[in-house]
C-alpha atoms as a PDB file:
ATOM      1  CA  UNK A   1     -24.177 -11.866  26.568  1.00  0.00           C
ATOM      2  CA  UNK A   2     -21.122 -12.796  24.489  1.00  0.00           C
ATOM      3  CA  UNK A   3     -20.284  -9.188  23.757  1.00  0.00           C
ATOM      4  CA  UNK A   4     -19.343  -8.396  27.327  1.00  0.00           C
ATOM      5  CA  UNK A   5     -15.667  -7.839  27.966  1.00  0.00           C
ATOM      6  CA  UNK A   6     -14.173  -7.383  31.393  1.00  0.00           C
ATOM      7  CA  UNK A   7     -11.141  -5.330  32.299  1.00  0.00           C
ATOM      8  CA  UNK A   8      -9.500  -7.088  35.224  1.00  0.00           C
ATOM      9  CA  UNK A   9      -6.606  -6.449  37.508  1.00  0.00           C
ATOM     10  CA  UNK A  10      -4.213  -8.831  39.230  1.00  0.00           C
ATOM     11  CA  UNK A  11      -3.552  -7.468  42.679  1.00  0.00           C
ATOM     12  CA  UNK A  12      -0.531  -8.224  44.822  1.00  0.00           C
ATOM     13  CA  UNK A  13      -1.631 -10.071  47.989  1.00  0.00           C
ATOM     14  CA  UNK A  14       1.312  -8.589  49.892  1.00  0.00           C
ATOM     15  CA  UNK A  15       1.234  -4.957  48.831  1.00  0.00           C
ATOM     16  CA  UNK A  16      -2.453  -4.679  47.967  1.00  0.00           C
ATOM     17  CA  UNK A  17      -1.695  -2.943  44.673  1.00  0.00           C
ATOM     18  CA  UNK A  18      -2.703  -3.841  41.142  1.00  0.00           C
ATOM     19  CA  UNK A  19       0.316  -5.129  39.237  1.00  0.00           C
ATOM     20  CA  UNK A  20      -1.274  -6.211  35.959  1.00  0.00           C
ATOM     21  CA  UNK A  21      -4.284  -5.131  33.900  1.00  0.00           C
ATOM     22  CA  UNK A  22      -5.884  -7.359  31.279  1.00  0.00           C
ATOM     23  CA  UNK A  23      -9.113  -7.968  29.442  1.00  0.00           C
ATOM     24  CA  UNK A  24     -11.151 -11.100  29.038  1.00  0.00           C
ATOM     25  CA  UNK A  25     -14.639 -12.269  28.188  1.00  0.00           C
ATOM     26  CA  UNK A  26     -14.252 -14.739  31.007  1.00  0.00           C
ATOM     27  CA  UNK A  27     -11.935 -13.297  33.685  1.00  0.00           C
ATOM     28  CA  UNK A  28     -12.236 -16.258  36.068  1.00  0.00           C
ATOM     29  CA  UNK A  29     -11.112 -18.633  33.355  1.00  0.00           C
ATOM     30  CA  UNK A  30      -8.378 -16.218  32.273  1.00  0.00           C
ATOM     31  CA  UNK A  31      -7.241 -16.017  35.890  1.00  0.00           C
ATOM     32  CA  UNK A  32      -6.860 -19.785  36.184  1.00  0.00           C
ATOM     33  CA  UNK A  33      -4.977 -19.766  32.875  1.00  0.00           C
ATOM     34  CA  UNK A  34      -2.561 -17.198  34.317  1.00  0.00           C
ATOM     35  CA  UNK A  35      -1.957 -19.564  37.229  1.00  0.00           C
ATOM     36  CA  UNK A  36      -1.704 -22.799  35.256  1.00  0.00           C
ATOM     37  CA  UNK A  37       0.510 -21.225  32.585  1.00  0.00           C
ATOM     38  CA  UNK A  38       2.821 -19.918  35.290  1.00  0.00           C
ATOM     39  CA  UNK A  39       3.067 -23.382  36.847  1.00  0.00           C
ATOM     40  CA  UNK A  40       3.776 -24.846  33.407  1.00  0.00           C
ATOM     41  CA  UNK A  41       6.399 -22.131  32.784  1.00  0.00           C
ATOM     42  CA  UNK A  42       4.466 -20.812  29.790  1.00  0.00           C
ATOM     43  CA  UNK A  43       4.230 -17.086  29.382  1.00  0.00           C
ATOM     44  CA  UNK A  44       3.815 -14.262  26.925  1.00  0.00           C
ATOM     45  CA  UNK A  45       4.856 -11.631  29.471  1.00  0.00           C
ATOM     46  CA  UNK A  46       8.095 -12.409  31.292  1.00  0.00           C
ATOM     47  CA  UNK A  47       7.534  -9.687  33.928  1.00  0.00           C
ATOM     48  CA  UNK A  48       4.099 -10.904  34.897  1.00  0.00           C
ATOM     49  CA  UNK A  49       5.351 -14.497  34.820  1.00  0.00           C
ATOM     50  CA  UNK A  50       8.273 -13.809  37.176  1.00  0.00           C
ATOM     51  CA  UNK A  51       6.036 -11.984  39.629  1.00  0.00           C
ATOM     52  CA  UNK A  52       3.423 -14.747  39.663  1.00  0.00           C
ATOM     53  CA  UNK A  53       6.012 -17.521  39.886  1.00  0.00           C
ATOM     54  CA  UNK A  54       7.485 -15.832  42.966  1.00  0.00           C
ATOM     55  CA  UNK A  55       4.069 -15.537  44.597  1.00  0.00           C
ATOM     56  CA  UNK A  56       3.189 -19.168  43.863  1.00  0.00           C
ATOM     57  CA  UNK A  57       6.511 -20.285  45.317  1.00  0.00           C
ATOM     58  CA  UNK A  58       5.471 -18.580  48.570  1.00  0.00           C
ATOM     59  CA  UNK A  59       2.018 -20.178  48.435  1.00  0.00           C
ATOM     60  CA  UNK A  60       0.437 -16.868  47.516  1.00  0.00           C
ATOM     61  CA  UNK A  61      -1.748 -15.941  44.581  1.00  0.00           C
ATOM     62  CA  UNK A  62      -2.563 -12.654  42.966  1.00  0.00           C
ATOM     63  CA  UNK A  63      -6.088 -11.492  43.678  1.00  0.00           C
ATOM     64  CA  UNK A  64      -8.414 -11.141  40.696  1.00  0.00           C
ATOM     65  CA  UNK A  65     -10.406  -7.934  40.662  1.00  0.00           C
ATOM     66  CA  UNK A  66     -12.887  -6.795  38.052  1.00  0.00           C
ATOM     67  CA  UNK A  67     -12.154  -3.177  37.234  1.00  0.00           C
ATOM     68  CA  UNK A  68     -14.866  -2.629  34.681  1.00  0.00           C
ATOM     69  CA  UNK A  69     -17.433  -4.348  32.552  1.00  0.00           C
ATOM     70  CA  UNK A  70     -17.401  -3.050  29.000  1.00  0.00           C
ATOM     71  CA  UNK A  71     -18.044  -4.396  25.519  1.00  0.00           C
ATOM     72  CA  UNK A  72     -16.436  -5.372  22.270  1.00  0.00           C
ATOM     73  CA  UNK A  73     -16.766  -1.812  20.955  1.00  0.00           C
ATOM     74  CA  UNK A  74     -14.971   0.024  23.745  1.00  0.00           C
ATOM     75  CA  UNK A  75     -12.744  -2.412  25.658  1.00  0.00           C
ATOM     76  CA  UNK A  76      -9.585  -1.122  23.979  1.00  0.00           C
ATOM     77  CA  UNK A  77     -10.025   2.435  25.214  1.00  0.00           C
ATOM     78  CA  UNK A  78     -11.181   1.196  28.636  1.00  0.00           C
ATOM     79  CA  UNK A  79      -8.153  -1.062  29.027  1.00  0.00           C
ATOM     80  CA  UNK A  80      -5.905   1.858  28.042  1.00  0.00           C
ATOM     81  CA  UNK A  81      -7.751   4.026  30.554  1.00  0.00           C
ATOM     82  CA  UNK A  82      -7.060   1.626  33.429  1.00  0.00           C
ATOM     83  CA  UNK A  83      -3.424   1.048  32.485  1.00  0.00           C
ATOM     84  CA  UNK A  84      -2.918   4.823  32.329  1.00  0.00           C
ATOM     85  CA  UNK A  85      -4.739   5.250  35.647  1.00  0.00           C
ATOM     86  CA  UNK A  86      -2.434   2.835  37.482  1.00  0.00           C
ATOM     87  CA  UNK A  87       0.526   4.010  35.407  1.00  0.00           C
ATOM     88  CA  UNK A  88       2.341   1.735  32.990  1.00  0.00           C
ATOM     89  CA  UNK A  89       5.547   2.164  35.011  1.00  0.00           C
ATOM     90  CA  UNK A  90       3.796   0.709  38.095  1.00  0.00           C
ATOM     91  CA  UNK A  91       2.467  -2.275  36.187  1.00  0.00           C
ATOM     92  CA  UNK A  92       3.955  -5.422  34.712  1.00  0.00           C
ATOM     93  CA  UNK A  93       2.122  -4.808  31.434  1.00  0.00           C
ATOM     94  CA  UNK A  94       4.397  -4.535  28.429  1.00  0.00           C
ATOM     95  CA  UNK A  95       2.343  -1.978  26.519  1.00  0.00           C
ATOM     96  CA  UNK A  96      -0.270   0.685  27.108  1.00  0.00           C
ATOM     97  CA  UNK A  97      -3.141  -1.657  26.287  1.00  0.00           C
ATOM     98  CA  UNK A  98      -5.873  -1.883  23.707  1.00  0.00           C
ATOM     99  CA  UNK A  99      -3.971  -4.495  21.719  1.00  0.00           C
ATOM    100  CA  UNK A 100      -5.441  -7.857  20.743  1.00  0.00           C
ATOM    101  CA  UNK A 101      -3.397 -10.553  22.462  1.00  0.00           C
ATOM    102  CA  UNK A 102      -1.458 -12.840  20.136  1.00  0.00           C
ATOM    103  CA  UNK A 103      -3.061 -16.194  19.456  1.00  0.00           C
ATOM    104  CA  UNK A 104      -1.947 -19.014  21.717  1.00  0.00           C
ATOM    105  CA  UNK A 105       0.776 -20.212  19.380  1.00  0.00           C
ATOM    106  CA  UNK A 106       2.631 -17.024  20.186  1.00  0.00           C
ATOM    107  CA  UNK A 107       3.188 -15.954  16.608  1.00  0.00           C
ATOM    108  CA  UNK A 108       1.124 -14.472  13.828  1.00  0.00           C
ATOM    109  CA  UNK A 109       1.087 -15.738  10.267  1.00  0.00           C
ATOM    110  CA  UNK A 110       1.885 -13.032   7.758  1.00  0.00           C
ATOM    111  CA  UNK A 111      -0.613 -12.683   4.910  1.00  0.00           C
ATOM    112  CA  UNK A 112       2.043 -14.241   2.677  1.00  0.00           C
ATOM    113  CA  UNK A 113       2.417 -17.276   4.949  1.00  0.00           C
ATOM    114  CA  UNK A 114      -1.357 -17.676   5.255  1.00  0.00           C
ATOM    115  CA  UNK A 115      -1.665 -17.740   1.493  1.00  0.00           C
ATOM    116  CA  UNK A 116       1.028 -20.399   1.121  1.00  0.00           C
ATOM    117  CA  UNK A 117      -0.083 -22.473   4.074  1.00  0.00           C
ATOM    118  CA  UNK A 118      -2.578 -25.260   3.416  1.00  0.00           C
ATOM    119  CA  UNK A 119      -5.178 -24.894   6.167  1.00  0.00           C
END
């Protein structure tokens, strides 16, 4: 079912606490992206990146846990729920959740730019 969305956590292997909450339709794939992006020094969240880079340097990896299975209609409120539950100040997340991640280029075209940009 394509409409399934998973709220996942990245857990610290040393402290056993969740440090990052995210959402994905394919958490396992998202998890390997987190790892490969960190190795390639690519990141959209500097805090999460620094934490993961440190773990990888010590031959450790965050543990992927599925917090909840939800859907396209309610993932935003569920992600917010989990971030609030762990507490934003305890997490490496940069916002309270429920926000569509930027596309992979890391920037968004404005409507103006879209109009003037030959696709």
